[in-house]
Amino acid sequence: MAKYIDLKVDNDDISTDAAGQPLLVTDRDVIAQDVNHSIRESGFLTDFIGERNAQKRALIRKKMRMVIERDNRIVPGSSIVKEAMTNTKTISLTISAETEFGPITVGIY
């Protein structure tokens, strides 16, 4: 039996199956979804997008890690926020962390 259950959210909308019933996510997927939402809600993502200074972006990534690790389901000290430049010259962030259910990875583009 799952310890955590939540509605699956994609593109700011509840995901449904072919019959229109809401889809559910459990355990590790719930934590990953919550991490994604907490980063978006923190406001650091918009600060990061607008920042050109590499040192200030590093500070924002550190603040994002602090937001992530406030979640007691994340193993303390296990979060990583990586910044990468894609081939279309856009910045993507990859957030990884360890949970009691195994590792999670969330991509923010």
N, C-alpha and C. Protein backbone atom coordinates (compact mmCIF):
# COMPACT_ATOMS: atom_id res chain seq x y z
N MET A 1 0.84 -1.18 0.00
CA MET A 1 0.00 0.00 0.00
C MET A 1 0.89 1.24 0.00
N ALA A 2 0.51 2.22 -0.76
CA ALA A 2 1.27 3.45 -0.89
C ALA A 2 1.18 4.29 0.39
N LYS A 3 2.30 4.93 0.71
CA LYS A 3 2.34 5.82 1.87
C LYS A 3 1.80 7.20 1.52
N TYR A 4 2.12 7.67 0.29
CA TYR A 4 1.66 8.97 -0.19
C TYR A 4 0.88 8.79 -1.48
N ILE A 5 -0.27 9.46 -1.58
CA ILE A 5 -1.10 9.41 -2.79
C ILE A 5 -1.55 10.83 -3.09
N ASP A 6 -1.50 11.20 -4.38
CA ASP A 6 -1.92 12.54 -4.78
C ASP A 6 -2.46 12.48 -6.20
N LEU A 7 -3.16 13.53 -6.60
CA LEU A 7 -3.61 13.66 -7.98
C LEU A 7 -2.42 14.01 -8.86
N LYS A 8 -2.37 13.46 -10.05
CA LYS A 8 -1.30 13.78 -10.99
C LYS A 8 -1.62 15.10 -11.68
N VAL A 9 -0.64 16.02 -11.66
CA VAL A 9 -0.81 17.33 -12.27
C VAL A 9 0.20 17.48 -13.40
N ASP A 10 -0.29 17.79 -14.59
CA ASP A 10 0.55 18.07 -15.76
C ASP A 10 0.11 19.39 -16.35
N ASN A 11 1.07 20.25 -16.64
CA ASN A 11 0.77 21.55 -17.25
C ASN A 11 -0.30 22.32 -16.47
N ASP A 12 -0.17 22.31 -15.15
CA ASP A 12 -1.08 23.04 -14.26
C ASP A 12 -2.53 22.56 -14.34
N ASP A 13 -2.73 21.31 -14.73
CA ASP A 13 -4.08 20.75 -14.81
C ASP A 13 -4.04 19.31 -14.30
N ILE A 14 -5.13 18.87 -13.74
CA ILE A 14 -5.23 17.49 -13.26
C ILE A 14 -5.30 16.56 -14.45
N SER A 15 -4.43 15.54 -14.46
CA SER A 15 -4.43 14.55 -15.54
C SER A 15 -5.57 13.56 -15.35
N THR A 16 -6.19 13.19 -16.46
CA THR A 16 -7.28 12.22 -16.41
C THR A 16 -7.03 11.08 -17.38
N ASP A 17 -7.70 9.97 -17.12
CA ASP A 17 -7.62 8.84 -18.04
C ASP A 17 -8.64 9.01 -19.16
N ALA A 18 -8.78 8.01 -20.01
CA ALA A 18 -9.69 8.08 -21.16
C ALA A 18 -11.15 8.27 -20.73
N ALA A 19 -11.49 7.80 -19.54
CA ALA A 19 -12.87 7.94 -19.04
C ALA A 19 -13.09 9.25 -18.29
N GLY A 20 -12.05 10.08 -18.21
CA GLY A 20 -12.18 11.35 -17.52
C GLY A 20 -11.95 11.29 -16.02
N GLN A 21 -11.49 10.13 -15.53
CA GLN A 21 -11.22 9.99 -14.10
C GLN A 21 -9.82 10.50 -13.79
N PRO A 22 -9.63 11.18 -12.67
CA PRO A 22 -8.30 11.70 -12.32
C PRO A 22 -7.29 10.57 -12.13
N LEU A 23 -6.07 10.81 -12.62
CA LEU A 23 -4.98 9.86 -12.42
C LEU A 23 -4.31 10.15 -11.09
N LEU A 24 -3.81 9.11 -10.45
CA LEU A 24 -3.14 9.25 -9.16
C LEU A 24 -1.67 8.93 -9.31
N VAL A 25 -0.85 9.55 -8.46
CA VAL A 25 0.56 9.21 -8.34
C VAL A 25 0.80 8.80 -6.90
N THR A 26 1.83 7.99 -6.70
CA THR A 26 2.12 7.49 -5.36
C THR A 26 3.59 7.69 -5.01
N ASP A 27 3.84 7.69 -3.73
CA ASP A 27 5.15 7.69 -3.11
C ASP A 27 6.20 8.57 -3.80
N ARG A 28 7.16 7.97 -4.51
CA ARG A 28 8.27 8.72 -5.10
C ARG A 28 7.77 9.77 -6.10
N ASP A 29 6.76 9.44 -6.89
CA ASP A 29 6.22 10.39 -7.86
C ASP A 29 5.52 11.57 -7.16
N VAL A 30 4.90 11.32 -6.02
CA VAL A 30 4.28 12.39 -5.25
C VAL A 30 5.35 13.36 -4.76
N ILE A 31 6.45 12.81 -4.25
CA ILE A 31 7.53 13.66 -3.74
C ILE A 31 8.13 14.48 -4.88
N ALA A 32 8.37 13.85 -6.02
CA ALA A 32 8.93 14.57 -7.18
C ALA A 32 7.99 15.70 -7.62
N GLN A 33 6.70 15.41 -7.67
CA GLN A 33 5.72 16.43 -8.06
C GLN A 33 5.71 17.57 -7.04
N ASP A 34 5.78 17.24 -5.75
CA ASP A 34 5.79 18.28 -4.72
C ASP A 34 7.06 19.13 -4.78
N VAL A 35 8.20 18.52 -5.08
CA VAL A 35 9.45 19.27 -5.22
C VAL A 35 9.32 20.25 -6.38
N ASN A 36 8.81 19.78 -7.50
CA ASN A 36 8.62 20.63 -8.67
C ASN A 36 7.72 21.82 -8.32
N HIS A 37 6.62 21.56 -7.65
CA HIS A 37 5.70 22.64 -7.29
C HIS A 37 6.32 23.60 -6.26
N SER A 38 7.08 23.08 -5.32
CA SER A 38 7.67 23.96 -4.31
C SER A 38 8.71 24.90 -4.92
N ILE A 39 9.45 24.43 -5.92
CA ILE A 39 10.41 25.30 -6.60
C ILE A 39 9.67 26.39 -7.37
N ARG A 40 8.63 26.00 -8.09
CA ARG A 40 7.84 27.00 -8.84
C ARG A 40 7.22 28.03 -7.91
N GLU A 41 6.68 27.58 -6.78
CA GLU A 41 5.99 28.47 -5.86
C GLU A 41 6.95 29.35 -5.06
N SER A 42 8.22 28.96 -4.96
CA SER A 42 9.19 29.73 -4.18
C SER A 42 9.53 31.07 -4.82
N GLY A 43 9.35 31.17 -6.13
CA GLY A 43 9.70 32.40 -6.84
C GLY A 43 11.14 32.43 -7.29
N PHE A 44 11.95 31.48 -6.85
CA PHE A 44 13.36 31.46 -7.24
C PHE A 44 13.55 31.14 -8.72
N LEU A 45 12.61 30.45 -9.30
CA LEU A 45 12.75 30.09 -10.71
C LEU A 45 12.72 31.33 -11.59
N THR A 46 11.82 32.24 -11.33
CA THR A 46 11.77 33.47 -12.13
C THR A 46 13.00 34.34 -11.86
N ASP A 47 13.49 34.36 -10.63
CA ASP A 47 14.74 35.08 -10.32
C ASP A 47 15.89 34.47 -11.11
N PHE A 48 15.92 33.15 -11.17
CA PHE A 48 17.00 32.45 -11.87
C PHE A 48 16.99 32.76 -13.36
N ILE A 49 15.81 32.73 -13.95
CA ILE A 49 15.68 32.97 -15.39
C ILE A 49 16.19 34.37 -15.75
N GLY A 50 15.90 35.35 -14.92
CA GLY A 50 16.27 36.72 -15.22
C GLY A 50 17.71 37.09 -14.87
N GLU A 51 18.42 36.19 -14.20
CA GLU A 51 19.77 36.51 -13.72
C GLU A 51 20.84 36.11 -14.73
N ARG A 52 21.75 37.02 -15.02
CA ARG A 52 22.85 36.76 -15.97
C ARG A 52 24.16 36.48 -15.25
N ASN A 53 24.30 36.95 -14.02
CA ASN A 53 25.53 36.77 -13.27
C ASN A 53 25.63 35.33 -12.76
N ALA A 54 26.71 34.64 -13.10
CA ALA A 54 26.88 33.22 -12.74
C ALA A 54 26.93 33.02 -11.23
N GLN A 55 27.54 33.94 -10.49
CA GLN A 55 27.62 33.80 -9.04
C GLN A 55 26.25 33.97 -8.39
N LYS A 56 25.46 34.89 -8.91
CA LYS A 56 24.11 35.08 -8.37
C LYS A 56 23.22 33.89 -8.71
N ARG A 57 23.40 33.30 -9.90
CA ARG A 57 22.64 32.09 -10.25
C ARG A 57 23.00 30.94 -9.31
N ALA A 58 24.30 30.83 -8.96
CA ALA A 58 24.74 29.80 -8.02
C ALA A 58 24.07 29.99 -6.66
N LEU A 59 23.94 31.24 -6.22
CA LEU A 59 23.27 31.53 -4.96
C LEU A 59 21.79 31.14 -5.03
N ILE A 60 21.15 31.42 -6.15
CA ILE A 60 19.74 31.04 -6.31
C ILE A 60 19.59 29.52 -6.29
N ARG A 61 20.52 28.81 -6.94
CA ARG A 61 20.47 27.34 -6.92
C ARG A 61 20.60 26.83 -5.48
N LYS A 62 21.46 27.47 -4.70
CA LYS A 62 21.61 27.08 -3.30
C LYS A 62 20.32 27.31 -2.52
N LYS A 63 19.65 28.43 -2.78
CA LYS A 63 18.37 28.72 -2.13
C LYS A 63 17.32 27.69 -2.54
N MET A 64 17.37 27.26 -3.81
CA MET A 64 16.44 26.21 -4.26
C MET A 64 16.68 24.92 -3.49
N ARG A 65 17.95 24.59 -3.26
CA ARG A 65 18.27 23.38 -2.49
C ARG A 65 17.70 23.48 -1.08
N MET A 66 17.75 24.65 -0.50
CA MET A 66 17.21 24.83 0.85
C MET A 66 15.69 24.61 0.85
N VAL A 67 15.01 25.06 -0.20
CA VAL A 67 13.57 24.83 -0.33
C VAL A 67 13.30 23.34 -0.44
N ILE A 68 14.06 22.66 -1.28
CA ILE A 68 13.87 21.23 -1.49
C ILE A 68 14.07 20.46 -0.19
N GLU A 69 15.12 20.80 0.53
CA GLU A 69 15.46 20.02 1.72
C GLU A 69 14.61 20.35 2.94
N ARG A 70 13.73 21.33 2.83
CA ARG A 70 12.75 21.57 3.90
C ARG A 70 11.74 20.43 3.96
N ASP A 71 11.56 19.76 2.83
CA ASP A 71 10.63 18.63 2.77
C ASP A 71 11.25 17.47 3.56
N ASN A 72 10.58 17.02 4.61
CA ASN A 72 11.15 15.98 5.47
C ASN A 72 11.21 14.61 4.79
N ARG A 73 10.68 14.49 3.58
CA ARG A 73 10.78 13.23 2.84
C ARG A 73 12.07 13.14 2.03
N ILE A 74 12.81 14.25 1.95
CA ILE A 74 14.08 14.30 1.24
C ILE A 74 15.20 14.02 2.23
N VAL A 75 16.14 13.17 1.84
CA VAL A 75 17.30 12.88 2.69
C VAL A 75 18.15 14.15 2.76
N PRO A 76 18.42 14.64 3.97
CA PRO A 76 19.21 15.87 4.11
C PRO A 76 20.58 15.77 3.41
N GLY A 77 20.93 16.82 2.70
CA GLY A 77 22.21 16.87 2.01
C GLY A 77 22.28 16.13 0.69
N SER A 78 21.16 15.56 0.26
CA SER A 78 21.19 14.74 -0.96
C SER A 78 20.75 15.48 -2.22
N SER A 79 20.25 16.70 -2.07
CA SER A 79 19.72 17.40 -3.24
C SER A 79 20.85 18.02 -4.07
N ILE A 80 20.63 18.03 -5.37
CA ILE A 80 21.56 18.63 -6.32
C ILE A 80 20.73 19.42 -7.33
N VAL A 81 21.13 20.65 -7.60
CA VAL A 81 20.47 21.46 -8.62
C VAL A 81 21.53 21.78 -9.67
N LYS A 82 21.37 21.23 -10.86
CA LYS A 82 22.33 21.43 -11.94
C LYS A 82 21.75 22.33 -13.02
N GLU A 83 22.59 23.19 -13.53
CA GLU A 83 22.22 24.10 -14.61
C GLU A 83 22.93 23.64 -15.88
N ALA A 84 22.22 23.62 -16.99
CA ALA A 84 22.84 23.24 -18.26
C ALA A 84 22.27 24.10 -19.38
N MET A 85 23.10 24.35 -20.36
CA MET A 85 22.68 25.11 -21.54
C MET A 85 22.32 24.09 -22.62
N THR A 86 21.13 24.20 -23.16
CA THR A 86 20.71 23.27 -24.20
C THR A 86 21.24 23.75 -25.55
N ASN A 87 21.07 22.93 -26.57
CA ASN A 87 21.55 23.30 -27.90
C ASN A 87 20.76 24.45 -28.50
N THR A 88 19.62 24.79 -27.92
CA THR A 88 18.85 25.95 -28.40
C THR A 88 19.15 27.19 -27.56
N LYS A 89 20.23 27.11 -26.78
CA LYS A 89 20.70 28.22 -25.94
C LYS A 89 19.69 28.63 -24.88
N THR A 90 18.93 27.67 -24.41
CA THR A 90 18.06 27.91 -23.27
C THR A 90 18.65 27.16 -22.07
N ILE A 91 18.40 27.68 -20.90
CA ILE A 91 18.93 27.06 -19.69
C ILE A 91 17.91 26.06 -19.14
N SER A 92 18.40 24.89 -18.77
CA SER A 92 17.53 23.92 -18.12
C SER A 92 18.10 23.61 -16.74
N LEU A 93 17.23 23.30 -15.81
CA LEU A 93 17.64 22.90 -14.47
C LEU A 93 17.22 21.46 -14.25
N THR A 94 18.10 20.71 -13.63
CA THR A 94 17.80 19.34 -13.24
C THR A 94 17.98 19.24 -11.74
N ILE A 95 16.94 18.82 -11.06
CA ILE A 95 16.96 18.70 -9.61
C ILE A 95 16.91 17.22 -9.27
N SER A 96 17.87 16.78 -8.46
CA SER A 96 17.92 15.39 -8.02
C SER A 96 17.99 15.36 -6.50
N ALA A 97 17.41 14.33 -5.92
CA ALA A 97 17.46 14.16 -4.47
C ALA A 97 17.16 12.70 -4.14
N GLU A 98 17.52 12.32 -2.95
CA GLU A 98 17.27 10.97 -2.46
C GLU A 98 16.08 11.00 -1.51
N THR A 99 15.19 10.00 -1.65
CA THR A 99 14.04 9.88 -0.77
C THR A 99 14.03 8.49 -0.16
N GLU A 100 13.10 8.25 0.74
CA GLU A 100 12.98 6.91 1.32
C GLU A 100 12.55 5.87 0.29
N PHE A 101 12.06 6.31 -0.86
CA PHE A 101 11.61 5.41 -1.92
C PHE A 101 12.62 5.32 -3.06
N GLY A 102 13.76 5.99 -2.92
CA GLY A 102 14.77 5.98 -3.96
C GLY A 102 14.97 7.37 -4.52
N PRO A 103 15.82 7.48 -5.53
CA PRO A 103 16.14 8.81 -6.08
C PRO A 103 15.00 9.39 -6.90
N ILE A 104 14.93 10.72 -6.90
CA ILE A 104 14.01 11.43 -7.78
C ILE A 104 14.81 12.41 -8.63
N THR A 105 14.32 12.69 -9.82
CA THR A 105 14.92 13.68 -10.70
C THR A 105 13.78 14.47 -11.34
N VAL A 106 13.89 15.78 -11.24
CA VAL A 106 12.87 16.66 -11.80
C VAL A 106 13.58 17.61 -12.73
N GLY A 107 13.08 17.71 -13.96
CA GLY A 107 13.64 18.64 -14.92
C GLY A 107 12.77 19.86 -15.06
N ILE A 108 13.40 21.02 -15.03
CA ILE A 108 12.67 22.28 -15.20
C ILE A 108 13.31 22.99 -16.39
N TYR A 109 12.50 23.27 -17.41
CA TYR A 109 13.05 23.86 -18.64
C TYR A 109 12.41 25.20 -18.89
